[in-house]
Amino acid sequence: MGTYRQRALPVVPPWSETSSRCGEDIARDAVAQDAWQSKSTVPRFILTPMPKPRRNTAFLPLDDTLFTVKQRKAVPHEFVLDAIAPLSPWTRPMFGCLAVYVKEKIVLVLRDKHKNTADNGVWLATTEEHHESLRREFPNMRSITVLGKAVTGWQLLPADAPDLEEAALRACELIVAGDPRIGKVPGTRRVSLSGVKKAALRTKMPKGSTKGRARP
């Protein structure tokens, strides 16, 4: 048997010119032509699945812990800094206290701790040679027990003293006036007289010296 090839027939619209032309056919063909053209001009839309609604988190309450800012510690006895403000003091944390400097000198330490409260107050940067004269200015001034010595160079205006604020403001007046009894340059130590004598004894004697030689 011979093979047959399938041939696609052209699509003939219903209003083809080959159709028989009668009144009813012409009318029917006109309607069909309008319907055909209307179908070809109607826009086509592709339906896609709608995305799932997303949860709006912009207005949800946020966790406060994410925005907690470490609060700055309160300055103990802050009125002291106000009193010496004309000198432009600067501060630095020191052993849980606040050291107060004027230029290169440390002048005060402000302390207000919850433990070992005995040494809370205003520390004066001074030396033993000035204790007697400063005690006339500050009757309640004493040594600092936390430093571990019976008599300390630094002296304390105790926080529990009834005249703390008055005494501290008086100390600030002395600092502003440039009183040499209050204030130290960190890192410098006074050389004692005994240390000077020992250093002199260790010095080599010059050549030709007769010291220690027996006379003829």
N, C-alpha and C. Protein backbone atom coordinates (compact mmCIF):
# COMPACT_ATOMS: atom_id res chain seq x y z
N MET A 1 0.84 -1.21 0.00
CA MET A 1 0.00 0.00 0.00
C MET A 1 0.87 1.25 0.00
N GLY A 2 0.39 2.20 -0.71
CA GLY A 2 1.12 3.46 -0.75
C GLY A 2 0.94 4.26 0.50
N THR A 3 1.93 5.08 0.84
CA THR A 3 1.86 5.94 2.05
C THR A 3 1.22 7.25 1.69
N TYR A 4 0.43 7.73 2.64
CA TYR A 4 -0.29 9.00 2.43
C TYR A 4 0.25 10.02 3.42
N ARG A 5 0.47 11.16 2.92
CA ARG A 5 0.96 12.28 3.76
C ARG A 5 -0.18 13.19 4.12
N GLN A 6 -0.32 13.34 5.43
CA GLN A 6 -1.43 14.17 5.90
C GLN A 6 -1.13 15.62 5.61
N ARG A 7 -2.11 16.26 5.03
CA ARG A 7 -1.93 17.66 4.64
C ARG A 7 -2.90 18.53 5.40
N ALA A 8 -2.35 19.57 5.98
CA ALA A 8 -3.21 20.47 6.77
C ALA A 8 -4.01 21.33 5.84
N LEU A 9 -5.27 21.40 6.08
CA LEU A 9 -6.18 22.20 5.27
C LEU A 9 -6.21 23.62 5.81
N PRO A 10 -6.26 24.58 4.95
CA PRO A 10 -6.33 25.97 5.44
C PRO A 10 -7.66 26.25 6.11
N VAL A 11 -7.57 27.06 7.11
CA VAL A 11 -8.77 27.44 7.84
C VAL A 11 -9.45 28.55 7.06
N VAL A 12 -10.66 28.30 6.74
CA VAL A 12 -11.42 29.27 5.95
C VAL A 12 -12.43 29.94 6.85
N PRO A 13 -12.31 31.20 7.03
CA PRO A 13 -13.30 31.86 7.89
C PRO A 13 -14.68 31.74 7.31
N PRO A 14 -15.67 31.84 8.18
CA PRO A 14 -17.03 31.61 7.71
C PRO A 14 -17.50 32.65 6.73
N TRP A 15 -16.80 33.78 6.65
CA TRP A 15 -17.26 34.80 5.70
C TRP A 15 -16.45 34.76 4.41
N SER A 16 -15.81 33.54 4.14
CA SER A 16 -14.96 33.40 2.95
C SER A 16 -15.74 33.78 1.70
N GLU A 17 -14.96 34.31 0.71
CA GLU A 17 -15.58 34.73 -0.53
C GLU A 17 -16.13 33.55 -1.33
N THR A 18 -15.67 32.31 -0.97
CA THR A 18 -16.13 31.15 -1.72
C THR A 18 -17.51 30.70 -1.29
N SER A 19 -17.96 31.25 -0.15
CA SER A 19 -19.29 30.84 0.32
C SER A 19 -20.34 31.36 -0.65
N SER A 20 -21.39 30.63 -0.65
CA SER A 20 -22.51 31.06 -1.51
C SER A 20 -23.05 32.36 -0.98
N ARG A 21 -23.39 33.26 -1.84
CA ARG A 21 -23.80 34.58 -1.43
C ARG A 21 -25.28 34.73 -1.59
N CYS A 22 -25.95 34.63 -0.48
CA CYS A 22 -27.37 34.94 -0.44
C CYS A 22 -27.60 35.94 0.65
N GLY A 23 -28.77 36.46 0.73
CA GLY A 23 -29.03 37.52 1.71
C GLY A 23 -28.76 37.07 3.13
N GLU A 24 -29.27 35.91 3.49
CA GLU A 24 -29.10 35.44 4.85
C GLU A 24 -27.64 35.10 5.10
N ASP A 25 -26.98 34.51 4.07
CA ASP A 25 -25.57 34.16 4.25
C ASP A 25 -24.71 35.40 4.44
N ILE A 26 -25.02 36.41 3.68
CA ILE A 26 -24.22 37.65 3.81
C ILE A 26 -24.38 38.24 5.19
N ALA A 27 -25.60 38.25 5.71
CA ALA A 27 -25.84 38.78 7.06
C ALA A 27 -25.12 37.94 8.11
N ARG A 28 -25.21 36.63 7.94
CA ARG A 28 -24.58 35.72 8.91
C ARG A 28 -23.05 35.87 8.85
N ASP A 29 -22.54 36.04 7.62
CA ASP A 29 -21.11 36.21 7.50
C ASP A 29 -20.65 37.53 8.13
N ALA A 30 -21.40 38.54 8.05
CA ALA A 30 -21.04 39.83 8.66
C ALA A 30 -20.96 39.72 10.18
N VAL A 31 -21.96 39.02 10.73
CA VAL A 31 -21.95 38.83 12.20
C VAL A 31 -20.74 38.00 12.61
N ALA A 32 -20.47 36.93 11.85
CA ALA A 32 -19.33 36.07 12.18
C ALA A 32 -18.02 36.83 12.05
N GLN A 33 -17.92 37.72 11.06
CA GLN A 33 -16.70 38.50 10.87
C GLN A 33 -16.47 39.44 12.04
N ASP A 34 -17.55 40.07 12.49
CA ASP A 34 -17.41 40.96 13.64
C ASP A 34 -16.95 40.19 14.89
N ALA A 35 -17.54 38.99 15.09
CA ALA A 35 -17.17 38.18 16.25
C ALA A 35 -15.72 37.74 16.16
N TRP A 36 -15.27 37.38 14.97
CA TRP A 36 -13.88 36.95 14.77
C TRP A 36 -12.91 38.09 15.07
N GLN A 37 -13.21 39.27 14.54
CA GLN A 37 -12.34 40.40 14.79
C GLN A 37 -12.33 40.82 16.26
N SER A 38 -13.49 40.70 16.90
CA SER A 38 -13.54 41.06 18.32
C SER A 38 -12.71 40.10 19.16
N LYS A 39 -12.70 38.83 18.80
CA LYS A 39 -11.89 37.87 19.54
C LYS A 39 -10.40 38.14 19.35
N SER A 40 -10.02 38.58 18.15
CA SER A 40 -8.60 38.81 17.88
C SER A 40 -8.08 40.08 18.55
N THR A 41 -8.96 41.02 18.89
CA THR A 41 -8.51 42.30 19.49
C THR A 41 -8.66 42.33 21.00
N VAL A 42 -9.31 41.34 21.59
CA VAL A 42 -9.46 41.31 23.05
C VAL A 42 -8.10 41.00 23.68
N PRO A 43 -7.59 41.84 24.58
CA PRO A 43 -6.29 41.56 25.20
C PRO A 43 -6.35 40.31 26.06
N ARG A 44 -5.28 39.60 26.04
CA ARG A 44 -5.19 38.37 26.83
C ARG A 44 -4.40 38.63 28.11
N PHE A 45 -4.83 38.07 29.18
CA PHE A 45 -4.19 38.22 30.48
C PHE A 45 -3.75 36.86 30.97
N ILE A 46 -2.53 36.82 31.52
CA ILE A 46 -2.03 35.58 32.10
C ILE A 46 -2.27 35.64 33.60
N LEU A 47 -2.98 34.70 34.08
CA LEU A 47 -3.30 34.64 35.51
C LEU A 47 -2.17 33.94 36.23
N THR A 48 -1.60 34.65 37.21
CA THR A 48 -0.53 34.07 38.04
C THR A 48 -1.01 34.04 39.48
N PRO A 49 -0.53 33.08 40.22
CA PRO A 49 -0.96 33.02 41.63
C PRO A 49 -0.49 34.24 42.40
N MET A 50 -1.34 34.80 43.23
CA MET A 50 -1.01 35.98 44.01
C MET A 50 -0.03 35.61 45.12
N PRO A 51 0.96 36.45 45.38
CA PRO A 51 1.90 36.14 46.47
C PRO A 51 1.20 36.19 47.81
N LYS A 52 1.73 35.38 48.71
CA LYS A 52 1.15 35.36 50.05
C LYS A 52 1.42 36.68 50.76
N PRO A 53 0.46 37.19 51.45
CA PRO A 53 0.68 38.47 52.15
C PRO A 53 1.78 38.33 53.20
N ARG A 54 2.75 39.26 53.18
CA ARG A 54 3.84 39.23 54.14
C ARG A 54 3.48 40.02 55.39
N ARG A 55 3.99 39.54 56.48
CA ARG A 55 3.69 40.18 57.75
C ARG A 55 4.46 41.49 57.85
N ASN A 56 3.75 42.55 58.10
CA ASN A 56 4.37 43.85 58.20
C ASN A 56 5.00 44.01 59.59
N THR A 57 6.33 43.98 59.61
CA THR A 57 7.03 44.08 60.90
C THR A 57 7.50 45.49 61.22
N ALA A 58 7.16 46.44 60.35
CA ALA A 58 7.66 47.80 60.57
C ALA A 58 7.05 48.43 61.81
N PHE A 59 5.85 48.03 62.14
CA PHE A 59 5.16 48.66 63.26
C PHE A 59 4.98 47.71 64.43
N LEU A 60 5.71 46.60 64.41
CA LEU A 60 5.61 45.68 65.53
C LEU A 60 6.44 46.22 66.69
N PRO A 61 6.03 45.97 67.91
CA PRO A 61 6.82 46.45 69.06
C PRO A 61 8.17 45.75 69.09
N LEU A 62 9.24 46.55 69.27
CA LEU A 62 10.58 46.02 69.29
C LEU A 62 11.01 45.73 70.71
N ASP A 63 11.95 44.80 70.80
CA ASP A 63 12.46 44.43 72.11
C ASP A 63 13.32 45.57 72.65
N ASP A 64 13.01 46.02 73.84
CA ASP A 64 13.74 47.14 74.41
C ASP A 64 15.20 46.80 74.68
N THR A 65 15.49 45.51 74.87
CA THR A 65 16.87 45.13 75.18
C THR A 65 17.81 45.39 74.02
N LEU A 66 17.26 45.49 72.79
CA LEU A 66 18.11 45.74 71.65
C LEU A 66 18.63 47.17 71.63
N PHE A 67 17.93 48.05 72.31
CA PHE A 67 18.27 49.46 72.27
C PHE A 67 18.72 49.99 73.63
N THR A 68 19.04 49.10 74.53
CA THR A 68 19.50 49.56 75.83
C THR A 68 20.91 50.13 75.69
N VAL A 69 21.10 51.34 76.16
CA VAL A 69 22.39 52.01 76.10
C VAL A 69 22.97 52.05 77.51
N LYS A 70 24.24 51.70 77.55
CA LYS A 70 24.89 51.70 78.86
C LYS A 70 24.92 53.12 79.41
N GLN A 71 24.31 53.29 80.55
CA GLN A 71 24.22 54.61 81.13
C GLN A 71 25.56 55.02 81.74
N ARG A 72 25.85 56.29 81.60
CA ARG A 72 27.08 56.82 82.17
C ARG A 72 26.94 56.91 83.69
N LYS A 73 28.03 56.51 84.36
CA LYS A 73 28.00 56.57 85.82
C LYS A 73 27.94 58.02 86.28
N ALA A 74 27.20 58.20 87.34
CA ALA A 74 27.09 59.55 87.89
C ALA A 74 28.43 59.97 88.50
N VAL A 75 28.76 61.23 88.33
CA VAL A 75 30.01 61.75 88.88
C VAL A 75 29.82 62.00 90.37
N PRO A 76 30.62 61.37 91.22
CA PRO A 76 30.46 61.60 92.66
C PRO A 76 30.93 63.00 93.04
N HIS A 77 30.16 63.64 93.90
CA HIS A 77 30.51 64.98 94.39
C HIS A 77 30.81 65.92 93.21
N GLU A 78 29.88 65.98 92.29
CA GLU A 78 30.08 66.72 91.05
C GLU A 78 30.25 68.22 91.28
N PHE A 79 29.77 68.71 92.39
CA PHE A 79 29.87 70.15 92.66
C PHE A 79 31.33 70.59 92.72
N VAL A 80 32.23 69.65 93.01
CA VAL A 80 33.66 69.97 93.06
C VAL A 80 34.16 70.41 91.68
N LEU A 81 33.72 69.70 90.63
CA LEU A 81 34.14 70.05 89.27
C LEU A 81 33.61 71.42 88.88
N ASP A 82 32.42 71.74 89.32
CA ASP A 82 31.87 73.07 89.03
C ASP A 82 32.69 74.16 89.70
N ALA A 83 33.20 73.85 90.89
CA ALA A 83 33.92 74.88 91.65
C ALA A 83 35.27 75.20 91.02
N ILE A 84 35.91 74.22 90.36
CA ILE A 84 37.21 74.49 89.74
C ILE A 84 37.10 74.57 88.22
N ALA A 85 35.91 74.79 87.73
CA ALA A 85 35.68 74.88 86.28
C ALA A 85 36.55 75.93 85.60
N PRO A 86 36.86 77.08 86.24
CA PRO A 86 37.71 78.07 85.56
C PRO A 86 39.09 77.53 85.17
N LEU A 87 39.54 76.45 85.81
CA LEU A 87 40.84 75.87 85.51
C LEU A 87 40.76 74.80 84.41
N SER A 88 39.56 74.57 83.87
CA SER A 88 39.35 73.55 82.84
C SER A 88 39.88 72.18 83.29
N PRO A 89 39.36 71.65 84.37
CA PRO A 89 39.85 70.34 84.84
C PRO A 89 39.43 69.22 83.90
N TRP A 90 40.15 68.12 83.96
CA TRP A 90 39.79 66.92 83.22
C TRP A 90 39.87 65.74 84.16
N THR A 91 39.14 64.69 83.84
CA THR A 91 38.99 63.56 84.76
C THR A 91 39.43 62.27 84.10
N ARG A 92 39.70 61.27 84.96
CA ARG A 92 40.07 59.94 84.48
C ARG A 92 39.66 58.92 85.54
N PRO A 93 39.01 57.82 85.13
CA PRO A 93 38.68 56.78 86.11
C PRO A 93 39.95 56.19 86.73
N MET A 94 39.88 55.93 88.01
CA MET A 94 41.05 55.39 88.71
C MET A 94 40.57 54.53 89.88
N PHE A 95 40.75 53.21 89.75
CA PHE A 95 40.40 52.27 90.82
C PHE A 95 38.95 52.43 91.29
N GLY A 96 38.05 52.62 90.34
CA GLY A 96 36.65 52.78 90.70
C GLY A 96 36.30 54.16 91.21
N CYS A 97 37.27 55.06 91.22
CA CYS A 97 37.04 56.44 91.64
C CYS A 97 37.21 57.34 90.42
N LEU A 98 37.18 58.64 90.66
CA LEU A 98 37.34 59.60 89.57
C LEU A 98 38.45 60.57 89.95
N ALA A 99 39.56 60.47 89.23
CA ALA A 99 40.69 61.36 89.47
C ALA A 99 40.47 62.68 88.74
N VAL A 100 40.80 63.77 89.39
CA VAL A 100 40.61 65.11 88.83
C VAL A 100 41.99 65.75 88.62
N TYR A 101 42.20 66.22 87.39
CA TYR A 101 43.49 66.82 87.03
C TYR A 101 43.29 68.29 86.64
N VAL A 102 44.32 69.07 86.92
CA VAL A 102 44.43 70.43 86.41
C VAL A 102 45.76 70.49 85.68
N LYS A 103 45.68 70.58 84.37
CA LYS A 103 46.86 70.49 83.52
C LYS A 103 47.53 69.14 83.78
N GLU A 104 48.82 69.16 84.18
CA GLU A 104 49.52 67.88 84.38
C GLU A 104 49.43 67.37 85.81
N LYS A 105 48.81 68.13 86.70
CA LYS A 105 48.76 67.77 88.11
C LYS A 105 47.45 67.07 88.46
N ILE A 106 47.55 66.03 89.27
CA ILE A 106 46.36 65.44 89.87
C ILE A 106 46.12 66.17 91.19
N VAL A 107 44.92 66.66 91.37
CA VAL A 107 44.63 67.49 92.55
C VAL A 107 43.66 66.80 93.50
N LEU A 108 42.69 66.05 92.96
CA LEU A 108 41.66 65.43 93.79
C LEU A 108 41.30 64.06 93.25
N VAL A 109 40.71 63.27 94.11
CA VAL A 109 40.06 62.02 93.70
C VAL A 109 38.70 62.00 94.37
N LEU A 110 37.67 61.74 93.58
CA LEU A 110 36.30 61.71 94.09
C LEU A 110 35.88 60.25 94.22
N ARG A 111 35.42 59.89 95.40
CA ARG A 111 35.08 58.50 95.68
C ARG A 111 33.70 58.39 96.30
N ASP A 112 32.90 57.46 95.76
CA ASP A 112 31.57 57.19 96.31
C ASP A 112 31.21 55.75 95.96
N LYS A 113 31.71 54.81 96.72
CA LYS A 113 31.50 53.38 96.46
C LYS A 113 30.48 52.83 97.46
N HIS A 114 29.84 51.73 97.02
CA HIS A 114 28.85 51.08 97.89
C HIS A 114 29.53 50.15 98.90
N LYS A 115 30.76 49.72 98.59
CA LYS A 115 31.52 48.89 99.53
C LYS A 115 32.68 49.70 100.08
N ASN A 116 33.08 49.36 101.28
CA ASN A 116 34.17 50.09 101.94
C ASN A 116 33.91 51.59 101.92
N THR A 117 32.79 51.95 102.45
CA THR A 117 32.35 53.35 102.38
C THR A 117 33.13 54.28 103.30
N ALA A 118 33.99 53.73 104.14
CA ALA A 118 34.70 54.56 105.11
C ALA A 118 35.58 55.61 104.43
N ASP A 119 36.08 55.29 103.23
CA ASP A 119 36.97 56.21 102.54
C ASP A 119 36.28 56.99 101.43
N ASN A 120 34.96 57.01 101.45
CA ASN A 120 34.23 57.83 100.49
C ASN A 120 34.39 59.31 100.84
N GLY A 121 34.43 60.12 99.81
CA GLY A 121 34.57 61.55 100.02
C GLY A 121 35.48 62.16 98.98
N VAL A 122 36.20 63.19 99.37
CA VAL A 122 37.10 63.91 98.47
C VAL A 122 38.52 63.73 98.97
N TRP A 123 39.36 63.12 98.13
CA TRP A 123 40.76 62.90 98.47
C TRP A 123 41.58 64.10 98.01
N LEU A 124 42.50 64.54 98.86
CA LEU A 124 43.39 65.65 98.53
C LEU A 124 44.77 65.11 98.17
N ALA A 125 45.27 65.50 97.02
CA ALA A 125 46.62 65.10 96.61
C ALA A 125 47.63 66.01 97.30
N THR A 126 48.19 65.52 98.40
CA THR A 126 49.14 66.33 99.17
C THR A 126 50.22 65.42 99.73
N THR A 127 51.09 65.98 100.56
CA THR A 127 52.18 65.23 101.17
C THR A 127 52.19 65.47 102.67
N GLU A 128 52.96 64.64 103.37
CA GLU A 128 52.94 64.69 104.83
C GLU A 128 53.40 66.03 105.38
N GLU A 129 54.32 66.70 104.70
CA GLU A 129 54.83 67.97 105.21
C GLU A 129 53.76 69.06 105.26
N HIS A 130 52.65 68.84 104.51
CA HIS A 130 51.58 69.85 104.50
C HIS A 130 50.39 69.47 105.38
N HIS A 131 50.46 68.32 106.03
CA HIS A 131 49.30 67.85 106.81
C HIS A 131 48.95 68.83 107.93
N GLU A 132 49.94 69.28 108.64
CA GLU A 132 49.67 70.13 109.80
C GLU A 132 48.99 71.42 109.40
N SER A 133 49.49 72.07 108.37
CA SER A 133 48.89 73.35 107.95
C SER A 133 47.51 73.13 107.33
N LEU A 134 47.34 72.03 106.59
CA LEU A 134 46.02 71.77 105.99
C LEU A 134 44.99 71.37 107.04
N ARG A 135 45.45 70.76 108.11
CA ARG A 135 44.48 70.37 109.14
C ARG A 135 43.88 71.59 109.83
N ARG A 136 44.59 72.69 109.81
CA ARG A 136 44.00 73.92 110.35
C ARG A 136 42.89 74.43 109.43
N GLU A 137 43.00 74.11 108.13
CA GLU A 137 41.94 74.47 107.19
C GLU A 137 40.78 73.47 107.24
N PHE A 138 41.13 72.20 107.48
CA PHE A 138 40.13 71.12 107.43
C PHE A 138 40.26 70.26 108.69
N PRO A 139 39.53 70.61 109.73
CA PRO A 139 39.66 69.88 111.01
C PRO A 139 39.31 68.38 110.90
N ASN A 140 38.42 67.99 109.99
CA ASN A 140 38.01 66.59 109.88
C ASN A 140 38.85 65.80 108.87
N MET A 141 39.89 66.40 108.35
CA MET A 141 40.76 65.70 107.40
C MET A 141 41.51 64.57 108.10
N ARG A 142 41.65 63.45 107.40
CA ARG A 142 42.36 62.30 107.99
C ARG A 142 43.02 61.49 106.87
N SER A 143 43.82 60.49 107.30
CA SER A 143 44.47 59.61 106.34
C SER A 143 43.46 58.64 105.73
N ILE A 144 43.87 57.99 104.65
CA ILE A 144 42.98 57.10 103.89
C ILE A 144 43.32 55.66 104.27
N THR A 145 42.36 54.98 104.87
CA THR A 145 42.63 53.63 105.40
C THR A 145 42.84 52.61 104.31
N VAL A 146 42.17 52.76 103.16
CA VAL A 146 42.26 51.76 102.11
C VAL A 146 43.66 51.70 101.51
N LEU A 147 44.48 52.72 101.72
CA LEU A 147 45.84 52.72 101.20
C LEU A 147 46.79 51.89 102.06
N GLY A 148 46.31 51.44 103.21
CA GLY A 148 47.07 50.48 104.01
C GLY A 148 48.15 51.05 104.88
N LYS A 149 48.17 52.35 105.10
CA LYS A 149 49.17 52.95 105.97
C LYS A 149 48.48 53.73 107.08
N ALA A 150 49.20 53.84 108.20
CA ALA A 150 48.63 54.61 109.31
C ALA A 150 48.55 56.08 108.95
N VAL A 151 49.59 56.59 108.31
CA VAL A 151 49.61 57.98 107.85
C VAL A 151 49.91 57.95 106.35
N THR A 152 49.01 58.51 105.60
CA THR A 152 49.16 58.53 104.14
C THR A 152 49.41 59.95 103.66
N GLY A 153 50.16 60.06 102.59
CA GLY A 153 50.40 61.38 102.01
C GLY A 153 49.10 62.00 101.53
N TRP A 154 48.30 61.23 100.82
CA TRP A 154 46.96 61.68 100.44
C TRP A 154 46.11 61.81 101.70
N GLN A 155 45.24 62.78 101.69
CA GLN A 155 44.34 62.99 102.83
C GLN A 155 42.90 63.01 102.34
N LEU A 156 42.00 62.67 103.27
CA LEU A 156 40.59 62.50 102.94
C LEU A 156 39.73 63.52 103.66
N LEU A 157 38.81 64.10 102.90
CA LEU A 157 37.69 64.86 103.48
C LEU A 157 36.51 63.89 103.48
N PRO A 158 36.17 63.29 104.62
CA PRO A 158 35.20 62.18 104.64
C PRO A 158 33.81 62.61 104.18
N ALA A 159 33.15 61.67 103.50
CA ALA A 159 31.80 61.94 103.01
C ALA A 159 30.80 62.04 104.16
N ASP A 160 31.09 61.35 105.28
CA ASP A 160 30.15 61.38 106.40
C ASP A 160 30.42 62.54 107.36
N ALA A 161 31.37 63.38 107.03
CA ALA A 161 31.63 64.55 107.88
C ALA A 161 30.55 65.59 107.64
N PRO A 162 30.12 66.28 108.69
CA PRO A 162 29.04 67.26 108.51
C PRO A 162 29.44 68.45 107.65
N ASP A 163 30.75 68.70 107.53
CA ASP A 163 31.20 69.87 106.76
C ASP A 163 31.84 69.46 105.43
N LEU A 164 31.46 68.31 104.87
CA LEU A 164 32.10 67.84 103.64
C LEU A 164 32.02 68.89 102.53
N GLU A 165 30.83 69.35 102.22
CA GLU A 165 30.68 70.28 101.11
C GLU A 165 31.44 71.57 101.36
N GLU A 166 31.36 72.07 102.57
CA GLU A 166 32.06 73.31 102.90
C GLU A 166 33.57 73.12 102.78
N ALA A 167 34.08 71.99 103.30
CA ALA A 167 35.52 71.72 103.24
C ALA A 167 35.97 71.50 101.81
N ALA A 168 35.17 70.78 101.03
CA ALA A 168 35.55 70.51 99.64
C ALA A 168 35.59 71.80 98.83
N LEU A 169 34.65 72.68 99.06
CA LEU A 169 34.65 73.96 98.34
C LEU A 169 35.85 74.83 98.75
N ARG A 170 36.24 74.73 100.03
CA ARG A 170 37.42 75.46 100.48
C ARG A 170 38.67 74.90 99.81
N ALA A 171 38.75 73.59 99.66
CA ALA A 171 39.88 72.98 98.96
C ALA A 171 39.91 73.43 97.51
N CYS A 172 38.75 73.58 96.90
CA CYS A 172 38.70 74.05 95.52
C CYS A 172 39.19 75.48 95.41
N GLU A 173 38.89 76.30 96.41
CA GLU A 173 39.38 77.67 96.41
C GLU A 173 40.91 77.70 96.46
N LEU A 174 41.49 76.80 97.25
CA LEU A 174 42.95 76.74 97.34
C LEU A 174 43.55 76.29 96.01
N ILE A 175 42.89 75.33 95.36
CA ILE A 175 43.40 74.84 94.07
C ILE A 175 43.34 75.94 93.02
N VAL A 176 42.22 76.67 92.98
CA VAL A 176 42.09 77.76 92.01
C VAL A 176 43.12 78.85 92.28
N ALA A 177 43.44 79.06 93.55
CA ALA A 177 44.43 80.08 93.91
C ALA A 177 45.86 79.61 93.67
N GLY A 178 46.03 78.34 93.29
CA GLY A 178 47.37 77.82 93.02
C GLY A 178 48.14 77.45 94.27
N ASP A 179 47.46 77.06 95.33
CA ASP A 179 48.13 76.66 96.57
C ASP A 179 49.01 75.43 96.30
N PRO A 180 50.30 75.51 96.60
CA PRO A 180 51.21 74.40 96.30
C PRO A 180 51.01 73.18 97.19
N ARG A 181 50.21 73.31 98.24
CA ARG A 181 50.01 72.18 99.14
C ARG A 181 49.11 71.10 98.56
N ILE A 182 48.34 71.44 97.53
CA ILE A 182 47.42 70.48 96.93
C ILE A 182 47.79 70.34 95.46
N GLY A 183 48.08 69.10 95.08
CA GLY A 183 48.42 68.83 93.68
C GLY A 183 49.74 68.11 93.55
N LYS A 184 49.76 67.09 92.71
CA LYS A 184 50.98 66.33 92.45
C LYS A 184 51.09 66.04 90.96
N VAL A 185 52.31 65.93 90.49
CA VAL A 185 52.54 65.48 89.12
C VAL A 185 52.73 63.97 89.17
N PRO A 186 51.86 63.18 88.55
CA PRO A 186 51.98 61.72 88.64
C PRO A 186 53.32 61.23 88.11
N GLY A 187 53.86 60.24 88.79
CA GLY A 187 55.11 59.64 88.35
C GLY A 187 56.34 60.24 88.95
N THR A 188 56.19 61.33 89.70
CA THR A 188 57.35 61.95 90.34
C THR A 188 57.33 61.63 91.83
N ARG A 189 58.49 61.31 92.35
CA ARG A 189 58.62 61.02 93.77
C ARG A 189 59.67 61.94 94.38
N ARG A 190 59.42 62.30 95.59
CA ARG A 190 60.39 63.14 96.28
C ARG A 190 61.55 62.28 96.75
N VAL A 191 62.74 62.79 96.57
CA VAL A 191 63.94 62.07 97.01
C VAL A 191 64.22 62.46 98.45
N SER A 192 64.27 61.45 99.31
CA SER A 192 64.50 61.72 100.73
C SER A 192 65.95 62.11 100.97
N LEU A 193 66.20 62.75 102.10
CA LEU A 193 67.55 63.17 102.44
C LEU A 193 68.46 61.97 102.65
N SER A 194 67.91 60.90 103.27
CA SER A 194 68.72 59.70 103.49
C SER A 194 69.13 59.08 102.16
N GLY A 195 68.22 59.15 101.18
CA GLY A 195 68.55 58.61 99.86
C GLY A 195 69.67 59.40 99.21
N VAL A 196 69.68 60.70 99.42
CA VAL A 196 70.75 61.54 98.87
C VAL A 196 72.08 61.18 99.50
N LYS A 197 72.09 60.97 100.82
CA LYS A 197 73.33 60.62 101.52
C LYS A 197 73.86 59.28 101.03
N LYS A 198 72.97 58.30 100.86
CA LYS A 198 73.40 56.99 100.38
C LYS A 198 73.98 57.09 98.98
N ALA A 199 73.36 57.89 98.14
CA ALA A 199 73.87 58.05 96.79
C ALA A 199 75.24 58.71 96.81
N ALA A 200 75.45 59.66 97.74
CA ALA A 200 76.75 60.32 97.83
C ALA A 200 77.82 59.36 98.28
N LEU A 201 77.49 58.44 99.20
CA LEU A 201 78.47 57.48 99.70
C LEU A 201 78.87 56.49 98.62
N ARG A 202 77.94 56.20 97.70
CA ARG A 202 78.24 55.25 96.62
C ARG A 202 79.07 55.89 95.51
N THR A 203 79.18 57.21 95.54
CA THR A 203 79.96 57.90 94.51
C THR A 203 81.44 57.62 94.71
N LYS A 204 82.12 57.33 93.62
CA LYS A 204 83.55 57.04 93.70
C LYS A 204 84.32 58.29 94.12
N MET A 205 85.32 58.06 94.94
CA MET A 205 86.17 59.17 95.38
C MET A 205 87.12 59.55 94.26
N PRO A 206 87.39 60.80 94.07
CA PRO A 206 88.31 61.23 93.01
C PRO A 206 89.74 60.76 93.28
N LYS A 207 90.51 60.60 92.20
CA LYS A 207 91.89 60.16 92.33
C LYS A 207 92.72 61.19 93.08
N GLY A 208 93.66 60.67 93.88
CA GLY A 208 94.53 61.56 94.64
C GLY A 208 93.96 61.99 95.96
N SER A 209 92.73 61.52 96.28
CA SER A 209 92.12 61.89 97.54
C SER A 209 92.86 61.21 98.67
N THR A 210 93.10 61.94 99.79
CA THR A 210 93.82 61.39 100.94
C THR A 210 92.90 60.90 102.03
N LYS A 211 91.55 60.91 101.69
CA LYS A 211 90.60 60.52 102.73
C LYS A 211 90.72 59.04 103.02
N GLY A 212 90.92 58.73 104.30
CA GLY A 212 91.01 57.33 104.72
C GLY A 212 92.43 56.81 104.73
N ARG A 213 93.42 57.62 104.27
CA ARG A 213 94.80 57.17 104.28
C ARG A 213 95.47 57.62 105.58
N ALA A 214 96.32 56.81 106.09
CA ALA A 214 97.06 57.14 107.31
C ALA A 214 98.14 58.15 107.00
N ARG A 215 98.30 59.14 107.86
CA ARG A 215 99.34 60.12 107.68
C ARG A 215 100.70 59.52 108.04
N PRO A 216 101.74 59.94 107.35
CA PRO A 216 103.07 59.41 107.66
C PRO A 216 103.60 59.95 108.99
